[in-house]
Amino acid sequence: MAVMEKAAENMGLFVHAEEWNHMNTFAGYCLFIGLIYAFHGWMNRERE
């Protein structure tokens, strides 16, 4: 997603502050996917 974000920014579709670090986006999406995965696992354990 960080690569797509950078590409969109280069095409003028998306604007960040100059001090924005695209690794923040990568870390945020990793955290988000981890939370979704943990929730999915928790919900599957509840069914058993």
Protein backbone atom coordinates (compact mmCIF):
# COMPACT_ATOMS: atom_id res chain seq x y z
CA MET A 1 0.00 0.00 0.00
CA ALA A 2 2.87 2.37 0.70
CA VAL A 3 4.05 1.91 -2.91
CA MET A 4 0.56 2.62 -4.26
CA GLU A 5 0.32 5.65 -2.00
CA LYS A 6 3.61 7.01 -3.32
CA ALA A 7 2.51 6.37 -6.94
CA ALA A 8 -0.80 8.17 -6.34
CA GLU A 9 1.08 11.06 -4.80
CA ASN A 10 3.38 11.26 -7.83
CA MET A 11 0.36 11.35 -10.17
CA GLY A 12 -1.13 14.20 -8.15
CA LEU A 13 -4.06 12.19 -6.80
CA PHE A 14 -2.93 12.32 -3.18
CA VAL A 15 -1.02 14.91 -1.14
CA HIS A 16 0.86 14.48 2.13
CA ALA A 17 2.74 16.88 4.32
CA GLU A 18 6.41 17.18 3.36
CA GLU A 19 7.54 15.43 6.55
CA TRP A 20 5.29 12.37 5.98
CA ASN A 21 7.13 9.06 6.06
CA HIS A 22 5.58 6.35 3.87
CA MET A 23 6.81 3.69 6.29
CA ASN A 24 4.11 5.00 8.66
CA THR A 25 1.55 3.81 6.13
CA PHE A 26 3.23 0.40 5.89
CA ALA A 27 3.33 0.02 9.68
CA GLY A 28 -0.29 1.16 9.99
CA TYR A 29 -1.54 -1.35 7.44
CA CYS A 30 0.48 -4.15 9.06
CA LEU A 31 -1.10 -3.31 12.41
CA PHE A 32 -4.57 -3.14 10.84
CA ILE A 33 -4.19 -6.50 9.08
CA GLY A 34 -2.83 -8.05 12.30
CA LEU A 35 -5.85 -6.84 14.25
CA ILE A 36 -8.24 -8.17 11.61
CA TYR A 37 -6.43 -11.53 11.63
CA ALA A 38 -6.57 -11.70 15.45
CA PHE A 39 -10.28 -10.84 15.46
CA HIS A 40 -10.95 -13.46 12.79
CA GLY A 41 -9.12 -16.10 14.84
CA TRP A 42 -10.99 -15.07 17.98
CA MET A 43 -14.35 -15.33 16.22
CA ASN A 44 -13.48 -18.77 14.82
CA ARG A 45 -12.52 -20.02 18.31
CA GLU A 46 -15.89 -18.89 19.65
CA ARG A 47 -17.73 -21.17 17.18
CA GLU A 48 -15.90 -24.34 18.20
